[in-house]
Amino acid sequence: MNADEIRKLTPEQRKEKLNELRLELSKLQMQAHVGTVDNPGKIKVLRKTIARILTIENEEKRKKG
């Protein structure tokens, strides 16, 4: 998910997506610790997507404030 797609989402949709991604990330991290993760590169992608969402939320807060 790129920044343009994230900006098109409503704040509520962003929060839902953020929760979904965090849940998926925690599951993958647990699998990685056990050693059964199929695609370890997906962890990196999820972390970056979460960071993008949080960055865009902070940008919008600063614009309003």
PDB file of N, CA and C in Angstrom:
ATOM      1  N   MET A   1       0.853  -1.168   0.000  1.00  0.00           N
ATOM      2  CA  MET A   1       0.000   0.000   0.000  1.00  0.00           C
ATOM      3  C   MET A   1       0.903   1.237   0.000  1.00  0.00           C
ATOM      4  N   ASN A   2       0.717   2.098  -0.979  1.00  0.00           N
ATOM      5  CA  ASN A   2       1.566   3.279  -1.054  1.00  0.00           C
ATOM      6  C   ASN A   2       0.893   4.478  -0.370  1.00  0.00           C
ATOM      7  N   ALA A   3       1.619   5.576  -0.280  1.00  0.00           N
ATOM      8  CA  ALA A   3       1.148   6.741   0.460  1.00  0.00           C
ATOM      9  C   ALA A   3      -0.112   7.349  -0.152  1.00  0.00           C
ATOM     10  N   ASP A   4      -0.217   7.351  -1.466  1.00  0.00           N
ATOM     11  CA  ASP A   4      -1.406   7.918  -2.109  1.00  0.00           C
ATOM     12  C   ASP A   4      -2.660   7.128  -1.749  1.00  0.00           C
ATOM     13  N   GLU A   5      -2.543   5.813  -1.730  1.00  0.00           N
ATOM     14  CA  GLU A   5      -3.686   4.973  -1.360  1.00  0.00           C
ATOM     15  C   GLU A   5      -4.085   5.215   0.091  1.00  0.00           C
ATOM     16  N   ILE A   6      -3.103   5.393   0.954  1.00  0.00           N
ATOM     17  CA  ILE A   6      -3.374   5.622   2.373  1.00  0.00           C
ATOM     18  C   ILE A   6      -4.056   6.970   2.569  1.00  0.00           C
ATOM     19  N   ARG A   7      -3.612   7.987   1.844  1.00  0.00           N
ATOM     20  CA  ARG A   7      -4.207   9.320   1.983  1.00  0.00           C
ATOM     21  C   ARG A   7      -5.666   9.347   1.533  1.00  0.00           C
ATOM     22  N   LYS A   8      -6.046   8.469   0.613  1.00  0.00           N
ATOM     23  CA  LYS A   8      -7.424   8.422   0.125  1.00  0.00           C
ATOM     24  C   LYS A   8      -8.375   7.801   1.147  1.00  0.00           C
ATOM     25  N   LEU A   9      -7.831   7.072   2.120  1.00  0.00           N
ATOM     26  CA  LEU A   9      -8.678   6.440   3.131  1.00  0.00           C
ATOM     27  C   LEU A   9      -9.159   7.467   4.146  1.00  0.00           C
ATOM     28  N   THR A  10     -10.329   7.216   4.715  1.00  0.00           N
ATOM     29  CA  THR A  10     -10.818   8.062   5.798  1.00  0.00           C
ATOM     30  C   THR A  10     -10.035   7.717   7.060  1.00  0.00           C
ATOM     31  N   PRO A  11     -10.039   8.602   8.061  1.00  0.00           N
ATOM     32  CA  PRO A  11      -9.324   8.289   9.304  1.00  0.00           C
ATOM     33  C   PRO A  11      -9.792   6.984   9.957  1.00  0.00           C
ATOM     34  N   GLU A  12     -11.084   6.697   9.863  1.00  0.00           N
ATOM     35  CA  GLU A  12     -11.600   5.461  10.451  1.00  0.00           C
ATOM     36  C   GLU A  12     -11.064   4.244   9.702  1.00  0.00           C
ATOM     37  N   GLN A  13     -11.034   4.350   8.375  1.00  0.00           N
ATOM     38  CA  GLN A  13     -10.510   3.243   7.571  1.00  0.00           C
ATOM     39  C   GLN A  13      -9.024   3.031   7.849  1.00  0.00           C
ATOM     40  N   ARG A  14      -8.305   4.130   8.064  1.00  0.00           N
ATOM     41  CA  ARG A  14      -6.879   4.023   8.373  1.00  0.00           C
ATOM     42  C   ARG A  14      -6.657   3.300   9.694  1.00  0.00           C
ATOM     43  N   LYS A  15      -7.490   3.629  10.690  1.00  0.00           N
ATOM     44  CA  LYS A  15      -7.351   2.966  11.990  1.00  0.00           C
ATOM     45  C   LYS A  15      -7.635   1.471  11.871  1.00  0.00           C
ATOM     46  N   GLU A  16      -8.664   1.125  11.101  1.00  0.00           N
ATOM     47  CA  GLU A  16      -8.989  -0.288  10.898  1.00  0.00           C
ATOM     48  C   GLU A  16      -7.836  -1.005  10.195  1.00  0.00           C
ATOM     49  N   LYS A  17      -7.306  -0.380   9.159  1.00  0.00           N
ATOM     50  CA  LYS A  17      -6.203  -0.976   8.401  1.00  0.00           C
ATOM     51  C   LYS A  17      -4.971  -1.125   9.287  1.00  0.00           C
ATOM     52  N   LEU A  18      -4.715  -0.121  10.116  1.00  0.00           N
ATOM     53  CA  LEU A  18      -3.575  -0.160  11.018  1.00  0.00           C
ATOM     54  C   LEU A  18      -3.705  -1.329  11.993  1.00  0.00           C
ATOM     55  N   ASN A  19      -4.901  -1.515  12.546  1.00  0.00           N
ATOM     56  CA  ASN A  19      -5.124  -2.630  13.465  1.00  0.00           C
ATOM     57  C   ASN A  19      -4.944  -3.974  12.765  1.00  0.00           C
ATOM     58  N   GLU A  20      -5.463  -4.088  11.541  1.00  0.00           N
ATOM     59  CA  GLU A  20      -5.314  -5.328  10.771  1.00  0.00           C
ATOM     60  C   GLU A  20      -3.836  -5.634  10.518  1.00  0.00           C
ATOM     61  N   LEU A  21      -3.094  -4.614  10.108  1.00  0.00           N
ATOM     62  CA  LEU A  21      -1.682  -4.814   9.796  1.00  0.00           C
ATOM     63  C   LEU A  21      -0.880  -5.168  11.042  1.00  0.00           C
ATOM     64  N   ARG A  22      -1.185  -4.528  12.162  1.00  0.00           N
ATOM     65  CA  ARG A  22      -0.477  -4.839  13.403  1.00  0.00           C
ATOM     66  C   ARG A  22      -0.745  -6.269  13.852  1.00  0.00           C
ATOM     67  N   LEU A  23      -1.991  -6.715  13.702  1.00  0.00           N
ATOM     68  CA  LEU A  23      -2.340  -8.086  14.058  1.00  0.00           C
ATOM     69  C   LEU A  23      -1.590  -9.080  13.168  1.00  0.00           C
ATOM     70  N   GLU A  24      -1.593  -8.808  11.875  1.00  0.00           N
ATOM     71  CA  GLU A  24      -0.890  -9.684  10.937  1.00  0.00           C
ATOM     72  C   GLU A  24       0.610  -9.701  11.217  1.00  0.00           C
ATOM     73  N   LEU A  25       1.168  -8.532  11.550  1.00  0.00           N
ATOM     74  CA  LEU A  25       2.589  -8.443  11.858  1.00  0.00           C
ATOM     75  C   LEU A  25       2.928  -9.259  13.101  1.00  0.00           C
ATOM     76  N   SER A  26       2.105  -9.163  14.126  1.00  0.00           N
ATOM     77  CA  SER A  26       2.392  -9.913  15.348  1.00  0.00           C
ATOM     78  C   SER A  26       2.329 -11.420  15.097  1.00  0.00           C
ATOM     79  N   LYS A  27       1.390 -11.861  14.263  1.00  0.00           N
ATOM     80  CA  LYS A  27       1.310 -13.287  13.927  1.00  0.00           C
ATOM     81  C   LYS A  27       2.561 -13.743  13.186  1.00  0.00           C
ATOM     82  N   LEU A  28       2.992 -12.929  12.220  1.00  0.00           N
ATOM     83  CA  LEU A  28       4.187 -13.291  11.456  1.00  0.00           C
ATOM     84  C   LEU A  28       5.444 -13.277  12.321  1.00  0.00           C
ATOM     85  N   GLN A  29       5.516 -12.336  13.261  1.00  0.00           N
ATOM     86  CA  GLN A  29       6.679 -12.283  14.139  1.00  0.00           C
ATOM     87  C   GLN A  29       6.733 -13.512  15.043  1.00  0.00           C
ATOM     88  N   MET A  30       5.565 -13.963  15.505  1.00  0.00           N
ATOM     89  CA  MET A  30       5.534 -15.183  16.315  1.00  0.00           C
ATOM     90  C   MET A  30       5.987 -16.382  15.495  1.00  0.00           C
ATOM     91  N   GLN A  31       5.525 -16.448  14.250  1.00  0.00           N
ATOM     92  CA  GLN A  31       5.942 -17.543  13.375  1.00  0.00           C
ATOM     93  C   GLN A  31       7.443 -17.482  13.108  1.00  0.00           C
ATOM     94  N   ALA A  32       7.971 -16.284  12.983  1.00  0.00           N
ATOM     95  CA  ALA A  32       9.399 -16.124  12.721  1.00  0.00           C
ATOM     96  C   ALA A  32      10.223 -16.607  13.915  1.00  0.00           C
ATOM     97  N   HIS A  33       9.736 -16.361  15.119  1.00  0.00           N
ATOM     98  CA  HIS A  33      10.455 -16.809  16.309  1.00  0.00           C
ATOM     99  C   HIS A  33      10.454 -18.331  16.408  1.00  0.00           C
ATOM    100  N   VAL A  34       9.359 -18.940  15.971  1.00  0.00           N
ATOM    101  CA  VAL A  34       9.267 -20.399  15.984  1.00  0.00           C
ATOM    102  C   VAL A  34      10.038 -20.989  14.808  1.00  0.00           C
ATOM    103  N   GLY A  35      10.117 -20.237  13.730  1.00  0.00           N
ATOM    104  CA  GLY A  35      10.863 -20.675  12.563  1.00  0.00           C
ATOM    105  C   GLY A  35      10.004 -21.230  11.452  1.00  0.00           C
ATOM    106  N   THR A  36       8.702 -20.934  11.462  1.00  0.00           N
ATOM    107  CA  THR A  36       7.800 -21.503  10.457  1.00  0.00           C
ATOM    108  C   THR A  36       7.218 -20.466   9.504  1.00  0.00           C
ATOM    109  N   VAL A  37       7.814 -19.308   9.419  1.00  0.00           N
ATOM    110  CA  VAL A  37       7.285 -18.264   8.550  1.00  0.00           C
ATOM    111  C   VAL A  37       7.612 -18.598   7.086  1.00  0.00           C
ATOM    112  N   ASP A  38       6.596 -18.483   6.228  1.00  0.00           N
ATOM    113  CA  ASP A  38       6.762 -18.809   4.813  1.00  0.00           C
ATOM    114  C   ASP A  38       7.475 -17.700   4.051  1.00  0.00           C
ATOM    115  N   ASN A  39       7.108 -16.449   4.343  1.00  0.00           N
ATOM    116  CA  ASN A  39       7.651 -15.321   3.602  1.00  0.00           C
ATOM    117  C   ASN A  39       8.198 -14.292   4.599  1.00  0.00           C
ATOM    118  N   PRO A  40       9.451 -14.403   5.006  1.00  0.00           N
ATOM    119  CA  PRO A  40       9.998 -13.478   5.996  1.00  0.00           C
ATOM    120  C   PRO A  40      10.089 -12.035   5.497  1.00  0.00           C
ATOM    121  N   GLY A  41      10.102 -11.827   4.188  1.00  0.00           N
ATOM    122  CA  GLY A  41      10.156 -10.474   3.642  1.00  0.00           C
ATOM    123  C   GLY A  41       8.887  -9.688   3.879  1.00  0.00           C
ATOM    124  N   LYS A  42       7.795 -10.391   4.132  1.00  0.00           N
ATOM    125  CA  LYS A  42       6.521  -9.718   4.358  1.00  0.00           C
ATOM    126  C   LYS A  42       6.534  -8.927   5.667  1.00  0.00           C
ATOM    127  N   ILE A  43       7.326  -9.360   6.630  1.00  0.00           N
ATOM    128  CA  ILE A  43       7.430  -8.640   7.898  1.00  0.00           C
ATOM    129  C   ILE A  43       7.937  -7.225   7.638  1.00  0.00           C
ATOM    130  N   LYS A  44       8.944  -7.107   6.810  1.00  0.00           N
ATOM    131  CA  LYS A  44       9.512  -5.793   6.474  1.00  0.00           C
ATOM    132  C   LYS A  44       8.481  -4.915   5.778  1.00  0.00           C
ATOM    133  N   VAL A  45       7.728  -5.499   4.852  1.00  0.00           N
ATOM    134  CA  VAL A  45       6.705  -4.746   4.120  1.00  0.00           C
ATOM    135  C   VAL A  45       5.623  -4.250   5.077  1.00  0.00           C
ATOM    136  N   LEU A  46       5.193  -5.107   5.997  1.00  0.00           N
ATOM    137  CA  LEU A  46       4.161  -4.711   6.958  1.00  0.00           C
ATOM    138  C   LEU A  46       4.654  -3.580   7.856  1.00  0.00           C
ATOM    139  N   ARG A  47       5.891  -3.681   8.322  1.00  0.00           N
ATOM    140  CA  ARG A  47       6.433  -2.631   9.186  1.00  0.00           C
ATOM    141  C   ARG A  47       6.480  -1.291   8.460  1.00  0.00           C
ATOM    142  N   LYS A  48       6.875  -1.308   7.205  1.00  0.00           N
ATOM    143  CA  LYS A  48       6.952  -0.065   6.433  1.00  0.00           C
ATOM    144  C   LYS A  48       5.565   0.509   6.163  1.00  0.00           C
ATOM    145  N   THR A  49       4.588  -0.350   5.905  1.00  0.00           N
ATOM    146  CA  THR A  49       3.225   0.124   5.667  1.00  0.00           C
ATOM    147  C   THR A  49       2.650   0.743   6.930  1.00  0.00           C
ATOM    148  N   ILE A  50       2.891   0.112   8.074  1.00  0.00           N
ATOM    149  CA  ILE A  50       2.436   0.671   9.349  1.00  0.00           C
ATOM    150  C   ILE A  50       3.082   2.035   9.573  1.00  0.00           C
ATOM    151  N   ALA A  51       4.353   2.147   9.287  1.00  0.00           N
ATOM    152  CA  ALA A  51       5.055   3.426   9.450  1.00  0.00           C
ATOM    153  C   ALA A  51       4.475   4.492   8.528  1.00  0.00           C
ATOM    154  N   ARG A  52       4.120   4.118   7.308  1.00  0.00           N
ATOM    155  CA  ARG A  52       3.516   5.081   6.376  1.00  0.00           C
ATOM    156  C   ARG A  52       2.187   5.597   6.918  1.00  0.00           C
ATOM    157  N   ILE A  53       1.365   4.693   7.421  1.00  0.00           N
ATOM    158  CA  ILE A  53       0.062   5.101   7.959  1.00  0.00           C
ATOM    159  C   ILE A  53       0.254   6.061   9.125  1.00  0.00           C
ATOM    160  N   LEU A  54       1.149   5.730  10.035  1.00  0.00           N
ATOM    161  CA  LEU A  54       1.385   6.593  11.196  1.00  0.00           C
ATOM    162  C   LEU A  54       1.960   7.943  10.776  1.00  0.00           C
ATOM    163  N   THR A  55       2.827   7.957   9.783  1.00  0.00           N
ATOM    164  CA  THR A  55       3.405   9.210   9.294  1.00  0.00           C
ATOM    165  C   THR A  55       2.329  10.110   8.706  1.00  0.00           C
ATOM    166  N   ILE A  56       1.446   9.543   7.916  1.00  0.00           N
ATOM    167  CA  ILE A  56       0.377  10.330   7.298  1.00  0.00           C
ATOM    168  C   ILE A  56      -0.584  10.856   8.357  1.00  0.00           C
ATOM    169  N   GLU A  57      -0.880  10.042   9.374  1.00  0.00           N
ATOM    170  CA  GLU A  57      -1.740  10.514  10.456  1.00  0.00           C
ATOM    171  C   GLU A  57      -1.096  11.690  11.182  1.00  0.00           C
ATOM    172  N   ASN A  58       0.207  11.609  11.436  1.00  0.00           N
ATOM    173  CA  ASN A  58       0.903  12.706  12.109  1.00  0.00           C
ATOM    174  C   ASN A  58       0.955  13.958  11.241  1.00  0.00           C
ATOM    175  N   GLU A  59       1.118  13.798   9.942  1.00  0.00           N
ATOM    176  CA  GLU A  59       1.112  14.952   9.037  1.00  0.00           C
ATOM    177  C   GLU A  59      -0.229  15.673   9.104  1.00  0.00           C
ATOM    178  N   GLU A  60      -1.308  14.900   9.114  1.00  0.00           N
ATOM    179  CA  GLU A  60      -2.638  15.508   9.160  1.00  0.00           C
ATOM    180  C   GLU A  60      -2.900  16.192  10.495  1.00  0.00           C
ATOM    181  N   LYS A  61      -2.394  15.629  11.579  1.00  0.00           N
ATOM    182  CA  LYS A  61      -2.552  16.264  12.888  1.00  0.00           C
ATOM    183  C   LYS A  61      -1.828  17.608  12.926  1.00  0.00           C
ATOM    184  N   ARG A  62      -0.645  17.652  12.339  1.00  0.00           N
ATOM    185  CA  ARG A  62       0.122  18.898  12.330  1.00  0.00           C
ATOM    186  C   ARG A  62      -0.543  19.965  11.474  1.00  0.00           C
ATOM    187  N   LYS A  63      -1.174  19.559  10.377  1.00  0.00           N
ATOM    188  CA  LYS A  63      -1.871  20.523   9.528  1.00  0.00           C
ATOM    189  C   LYS A  63      -3.058  21.133  10.262  1.00  0.00           C
ATOM    190  N   LYS A  64      -3.760  20.318  11.030  1.00  0.00           N
ATOM    191  CA  LYS A  64      -4.932  20.804  11.762  1.00  0.00           C
ATOM    192  C   LYS A  64      -4.516  21.643  12.961  1.00  0.00           C
ATOM    193  N   GLY A  65      -3.410  21.284  13.576  1.00  0.00           N
ATOM    194  CA  GLY A  65      -2.981  21.939  14.801  1.00  0.00           C
ATOM    195  C   GLY A  65      -2.303  23.202  14.548  1.00  0.00           C
TER     196      GLY A  65
END
